[in-house]
N, C-alpha and C. Protein backbone atom coordinates (compact mmCIF):
# COMPACT_ATOMS: atom_id res chain seq x y z
N ARG A 1 -9.64 10.45 4.85
CA ARG A 1 -10.60 10.37 3.82
C ARG A 1 -9.96 9.61 2.64
N ARG A 2 -8.91 9.92 2.27
CA ARG A 2 -8.03 9.13 1.20
C ARG A 2 -8.41 7.70 1.48
N TYR A 3 -8.15 7.27 2.55
CA TYR A 3 -8.35 5.84 2.83
C TYR A 3 -9.71 5.16 2.13
N ILE A 4 -10.60 6.02 2.79
CA ILE A 4 -12.19 5.57 2.12
C ILE A 4 -12.01 5.66 0.86
N GLN A 5 -11.67 6.54 0.19
CA GLN A 5 -11.51 6.58 -1.23
C GLN A 5 -10.97 5.61 -2.08
N ASP A 6 -9.97 4.78 -1.29
CA ASP A 6 -9.13 3.87 -1.63
C ASP A 6 -9.97 2.75 -1.76
N PHE A 7 -10.83 2.30 -0.84
CA PHE A 7 -11.81 1.20 -0.94
C PHE A 7 -12.56 1.07 -2.02
N PHE A 8 -13.17 2.41 -2.46
CA PHE A 8 -14.14 2.46 -3.78
C PHE A 8 -12.99 1.97 -4.85
N ALA A 9 -11.87 2.56 -4.91
CA ALA A 9 -11.01 2.51 -6.11
C ALA A 9 -10.43 0.87 -6.30
N VAL A 10 -10.43 -0.01 -5.28
CA VAL A 10 -10.16 -1.42 -5.51
C VAL A 10 -11.53 -2.22 -5.87
N GLY A 11 -12.58 -1.74 -5.77
CA GLY A 11 -13.81 -2.14 -6.04
C GLY A 11 -14.46 -2.69 -4.96
N CYS A 12 -14.57 -2.08 -3.69
CA CYS A 12 -15.24 -2.55 -2.71
C CYS A 12 -16.54 -1.64 -3.08
N PRO A 13 -17.87 -2.46 -2.71
CA PRO A 13 -19.09 -1.87 -3.12
C PRO A 13 -19.20 -0.87 -2.01
N THR A 14 -18.96 -1.05 -0.73
CA THR A 14 -19.19 0.00 0.36
C THR A 14 -18.11 0.34 1.23
N ALA A 15 -17.76 1.54 1.47
CA ALA A 15 -16.77 1.80 2.19
C ALA A 15 -17.14 1.59 3.91
N PRO A 16 -16.17 1.47 4.56
CA PRO A 16 -16.59 1.57 5.96
C PRO A 16 -16.84 3.15 6.73
N SER A 17 -17.50 3.26 7.74
CA SER A 17 -17.55 4.63 8.09
C SER A 17 -16.22 5.13 8.70
N GLU A 18 -15.92 6.52 8.41
CA GLU A 18 -14.86 7.03 9.02
C GLU A 18 -14.28 6.53 10.49
N ALA A 19 -15.11 6.48 11.24
CA ALA A 19 -15.04 6.35 12.73
C ALA A 19 -14.64 4.80 12.74
N LEU A 20 -15.20 4.01 11.97
CA LEU A 20 -14.65 2.59 11.96
C LEU A 20 -13.19 2.35 11.33
N LEU A 21 -13.14 3.23 10.44
CA LEU A 21 -11.83 3.09 9.59
C LEU A 21 -10.72 3.66 10.62
N ASN A 22 -11.03 4.81 11.43
CA ASN A 22 -10.06 5.29 12.36
C ASN A 22 -9.83 4.56 13.28
N TRP A 23 -10.63 3.60 13.81
CA TRP A 23 -10.56 2.36 15.01
C TRP A 23 -9.55 1.56 14.17
N ALA A 24 -9.80 1.11 13.19
CA ALA A 24 -8.68 -0.06 12.40
C ALA A 24 -7.51 0.46 12.40
N ILE A 25 -7.29 1.55 12.03
CA ILE A 25 -5.96 2.18 11.77
C ILE A 25 -5.24 2.20 13.26
N ALA A 26 -5.95 2.63 14.20
CA ALA A 26 -5.40 3.04 15.33
C ALA A 26 -5.09 1.20 16.03
N LEU A 27 -5.99 0.33 15.98
CA LEU A 27 -5.61 -0.98 16.10
C LEU A 27 -4.29 -1.61 15.70
N VAL A 28 -4.16 -1.36 14.14
CA VAL A 28 -3.17 -1.78 13.62
C VAL A 28 -1.73 -1.24 14.44
N LEU A 29 -1.84 0.15 14.24
CA LEU A 29 -0.66 0.94 14.62
C LEU A 29 -0.22 0.50 16.17
N SER A 30 -1.14 0.51 17.06
CA SER A 30 -0.79 0.03 18.30
C SER A 30 -0.52 -1.32 18.51
N ARG A 31 -0.98 -2.47 17.75
CA ARG A 31 -0.34 -3.69 18.05
C ARG A 31 0.36 -4.21 16.97
N SER A 32 0.94 -3.30 16.07
CA SER A 32 2.07 -3.93 15.19
C SER A 32 3.34 -3.41 15.51
N HIS A 33 4.37 -4.08 14.86
CA HIS A 33 5.78 -3.94 15.28
C HIS A 33 6.56 -4.03 14.19
N ALA A 34 7.49 -3.11 13.82
CA ALA A 34 8.49 -2.95 12.80
C ALA A 34 9.57 -3.76 12.76
N PHE A 35 10.27 -4.14 14.10
CA PHE A 35 11.12 -5.35 14.20
C PHE A 35 12.72 -4.52 13.26
N GLY A 36 12.52 -3.18 13.26
CA GLY A 36 13.95 -2.60 12.87
C GLY A 36 13.72 -2.29 11.52
N SER A 37 12.44 -2.61 10.82
CA SER A 37 12.06 -2.33 9.43
C SER A 37 11.75 -0.74 9.31
N LYS A 38 12.43 -0.34 8.24
CA LYS A 38 11.75 1.28 8.06
C LYS A 38 10.65 0.91 7.13
N THR A 39 10.31 0.01 6.54
CA THR A 39 9.23 0.09 5.55
C THR A 39 7.93 -0.85 5.77
N GLY A 40 8.14 -2.06 6.84
CA GLY A 40 7.03 -2.72 6.78
C GLY A 40 6.55 -3.09 8.29
N ARG A 41 5.70 -3.27 8.83
CA ARG A 41 5.01 -3.57 10.14
C ARG A 41 4.34 -5.03 10.29
N TRP A 42 4.45 -5.79 11.31
CA TRP A 42 3.91 -6.98 11.41
C TRP A 42 2.77 -7.06 12.46
N LEU A 43 1.63 -7.63 12.39
CA LEU A 43 0.78 -7.93 13.30
C LEU A 43 1.14 -9.28 14.01
N THR A 44 1.42 -9.32 15.03
CA THR A 44 2.22 -10.31 16.02
C THR A 44 1.46 -10.57 17.51
N PRO A 45 0.10 -10.92 17.35
CA PRO A 45 -0.71 -10.81 18.66
C PRO A 45 -0.16 -11.55 19.85
N VAL A 46 0.63 -12.49 19.64
CA VAL A 46 1.22 -13.10 21.09
C VAL A 46 2.14 -12.16 21.54
N LEU A 47 2.97 -11.29 20.90
CA LEU A 47 3.62 -10.50 21.47
C LEU A 47 3.29 -9.67 22.54
N ASP A 48 1.80 -9.29 22.34
CA ASP A 48 1.15 -8.53 23.55
C ASP A 48 1.51 -8.95 24.77
N PHE A 49 1.87 -10.29 24.88
CA PHE A 49 2.09 -10.92 26.31
C PHE A 49 3.49 -10.90 26.58
N VAL A 50 4.34 -10.48 25.79
CA VAL A 50 5.74 -10.49 26.28
C VAL A 50 6.30 -9.13 26.72
N ASN A 51 6.85 -9.04 27.95
CA ASN A 51 7.27 -7.84 28.65
C ASN A 51 8.63 -7.67 28.22
N HIS A 52 9.22 -6.15 28.28
CA HIS A 52 10.34 -6.03 27.96
C HIS A 52 11.45 -6.16 29.12
N LYS A 53 12.62 -6.58 28.43
CA LYS A 53 13.79 -6.66 29.40
C LYS A 53 14.85 -6.31 28.09
N PRO A 54 15.95 -5.59 28.53
CA PRO A 54 17.02 -5.19 27.68
C PRO A 54 17.60 -6.53 27.38
N GLU A 55 18.22 -7.13 26.05
CA GLU A 55 18.89 -8.15 26.11
C GLU A 55 20.03 -8.34 26.76
N ALA A 56 21.07 -7.65 27.15
CA ALA A 56 21.98 -7.49 27.91
C ALA A 56 21.40 -8.12 29.54
N LEU A 57 20.27 -8.07 29.66
CA LEU A 57 19.91 -8.59 31.00
C LEU A 57 18.93 -9.71 30.68
N GLY A 58 18.76 -10.19 29.91
CA GLY A 58 18.31 -11.77 29.36
C GLY A 58 17.00 -11.41 28.72
N GLY A 59 16.98 -10.36 28.17
CA GLY A 59 15.55 -10.29 27.10
C GLY A 59 15.96 -10.81 25.82
N GLY A 60 14.97 -11.44 25.06
CA GLY A 60 15.22 -12.14 23.74
C GLY A 60 15.20 -11.14 22.67
N ARG A 61 15.05 -11.89 21.39
CA ARG A 61 15.19 -10.79 20.33
C ARG A 61 14.28 -11.69 19.42
N LEU A 62 13.80 -11.33 18.18
CA LEU A 62 13.30 -11.69 17.08
C LEU A 62 14.07 -11.48 15.91
N GLU A 63 13.82 -12.52 14.93
CA GLU A 63 14.78 -12.83 13.84
C GLU A 63 13.76 -13.28 12.85
N CYS A 64 14.10 -12.98 11.42
CA CYS A 64 13.31 -13.73 10.41
C CYS A 64 14.18 -14.97 9.77
N ASP A 65 13.48 -15.93 9.53
CA ASP A 65 14.45 -16.85 9.29
C ASP A 65 14.24 -17.02 7.47
N ALA A 66 14.81 -17.86 6.82
CA ALA A 66 14.90 -17.73 5.12
C ALA A 66 13.52 -18.19 4.62
N ASN A 67 12.63 -18.47 5.28
CA ASN A 67 11.13 -18.52 4.81
C ASN A 67 10.21 -17.36 5.04
N GLY A 68 11.09 -16.07 5.81
CA GLY A 68 10.28 -15.24 6.46
C GLY A 68 9.43 -15.46 7.44
N ASP A 69 9.65 -16.59 8.22
CA ASP A 69 8.82 -16.65 9.46
C ASP A 69 9.41 -15.91 10.63
N LEU A 70 8.66 -15.59 11.53
CA LEU A 70 9.43 -14.55 12.71
C LEU A 70 9.73 -15.75 13.83
N ILE A 71 11.01 -15.51 14.51
CA ILE A 71 11.32 -16.60 15.42
C ILE A 71 11.91 -15.63 16.69
N PHE A 72 11.62 -16.35 17.74
CA PHE A 72 11.77 -15.73 19.01
C PHE A 72 13.02 -16.52 19.50
N ILE A 73 14.04 -15.59 19.93
CA ILE A 73 15.35 -16.44 20.31
C ILE A 73 15.54 -15.93 21.88
N ALA A 74 15.26 -16.74 22.76
CA ALA A 74 15.57 -16.39 24.10
C ALA A 74 16.88 -15.77 24.49
N GLY A 75 17.00 -15.03 25.58
CA GLY A 75 17.99 -14.13 25.58
C GLY A 75 18.64 -14.85 26.87
N ALA A 76 17.97 -15.81 27.63
CA ALA A 76 18.44 -16.52 28.57
C ALA A 76 17.73 -18.07 28.71
N ASP A 77 18.32 -18.69 29.31
CA ASP A 77 17.70 -20.17 29.60
C ASP A 77 16.60 -20.10 30.45
N THR A 78 15.46 -20.71 29.58
CA THR A 78 14.21 -20.45 30.26
C THR A 78 13.79 -21.85 30.57
N ARG A 79 12.84 -22.20 31.37
CA ARG A 79 12.39 -23.49 31.85
C ARG A 79 10.75 -23.38 31.69
N ALA A 80 10.28 -24.54 31.22
CA ALA A 80 8.62 -24.47 30.89
C ALA A 80 8.03 -23.69 31.90
N GLY A 81 7.06 -22.89 31.62
CA GLY A 81 6.14 -22.22 32.68
C GLY A 81 6.92 -20.65 33.21
N GLU A 82 8.22 -20.50 32.76
CA GLU A 82 8.77 -19.39 33.18
C GLU A 82 8.36 -18.37 32.00
N GLN A 83 8.50 -16.91 32.76
CA GLN A 83 8.07 -15.78 31.84
C GLN A 83 9.46 -15.41 30.66
N VAL A 84 9.09 -15.41 29.63
CA VAL A 84 10.26 -14.96 28.66
C VAL A 84 9.97 -13.39 28.51
N PHE A 85 11.15 -12.80 28.18
CA PHE A 85 10.96 -11.55 27.93
C PHE A 85 11.80 -10.98 26.55
N LEU A 86 11.29 -9.88 25.94
CA LEU A 86 11.96 -9.43 24.83
C LEU A 86 12.45 -8.11 24.98
N ASP A 87 13.41 -8.14 24.26
CA ASP A 87 14.13 -6.58 24.24
C ASP A 87 13.43 -5.96 23.03
N TYR A 88 12.73 -4.79 23.51
CA TYR A 88 12.05 -3.96 22.41
C TYR A 88 12.79 -3.13 21.47
N GLN A 89 14.15 -3.19 21.63
CA GLN A 89 14.94 -2.61 20.82
C GLN A 89 14.77 -0.84 20.72
N VAL A 90 14.29 -0.68 21.89
CA VAL A 90 14.01 1.06 22.10
C VAL A 90 15.13 1.47 23.40
N ASP A 91 16.00 2.24 23.28
CA ASP A 91 16.89 2.30 24.20
C ASP A 91 16.58 3.89 24.99
N ASP A 92 15.66 4.46 24.23
CA ASP A 92 15.15 6.13 24.93
C ASP A 92 14.22 5.72 25.77
N ALA A 93 14.38 6.18 27.10
CA ALA A 93 13.38 5.95 28.27
C ALA A 93 12.18 6.73 27.78
N SER A 94 12.18 7.76 27.35
CA SER A 94 11.08 8.52 26.75
C SER A 94 10.24 7.88 25.59
N LEU A 95 10.96 7.21 24.58
CA LEU A 95 10.09 6.60 23.71
C LEU A 95 9.74 5.27 24.44
N LEU A 96 10.31 4.38 25.15
CA LEU A 96 9.56 3.45 25.97
C LEU A 96 8.33 3.62 26.51
N PHE A 97 8.30 4.95 27.12
CA PHE A 97 7.20 5.42 28.07
C PHE A 97 5.90 5.70 26.94
N ALA A 98 6.52 6.39 25.96
CA ALA A 98 5.28 6.73 24.91
C ALA A 98 4.94 5.65 24.14
N GLY A 99 5.80 4.91 23.58
CA GLY A 99 5.06 3.81 22.82
C GLY A 99 4.61 2.55 23.67
N PHE A 100 5.08 2.18 24.69
CA PHE A 100 4.83 1.04 25.31
C PHE A 100 4.25 1.34 26.73
N GLY A 101 4.24 2.51 27.08
CA GLY A 101 4.06 2.80 28.79
C GLY A 101 5.05 2.16 29.99
N ILE A 102 6.19 1.86 29.20
CA ILE A 102 7.04 1.59 30.39
C ILE A 102 7.85 2.55 30.91
N ASP A 103 7.94 2.87 32.26
CA ASP A 103 8.55 3.68 33.15
C ASP A 103 9.60 3.09 33.85
N LEU A 104 11.05 3.18 33.13
CA LEU A 104 12.18 2.51 33.37
C LEU A 104 12.58 2.52 35.10
N GLU A 105 12.06 3.63 35.59
CA GLU A 105 12.49 4.07 36.77
C GLU A 105 11.38 3.36 37.92
N GLU A 106 10.19 2.97 37.25
CA GLU A 106 9.48 1.96 38.31
C GLU A 106 9.57 0.46 38.12
N THR A 107 10.58 -0.04 36.96
CA THR A 107 10.92 -1.43 37.05
C THR A 107 12.25 -1.81 37.71
C-alpha cells in the first residue's frame, strides 16, 4: 500500500490497482539482476536467454565499463551460433534452485 501512496506523492493523477502493482513488482524482481551489487538492480532482458555455467567451466561474466554499460565477457572461445553461458555467481545449490530453478544434480 505504501507504493500506491507514493504514486500520489509524486503527482500521478491515478494510481494502479494493487493487483497491477504487485504484478509489476514481481516482474521486476524476477527479471532483474544485482550483478554483485547490494544496492542496485538492472533489467537486462537478453539475459533471460543465457544459461548458467560456472566460470571455471567456461561460463562468462558481466562487468561495467567506465560509461556504466554492461559488458558480457565470454568464459571460453565461442564461434558464431554457439551457445554462450553466464556464471550466475551463486555457489549454493539451494540458492540456484530457489532463484533460478537450476538443479545441479540434473545438469
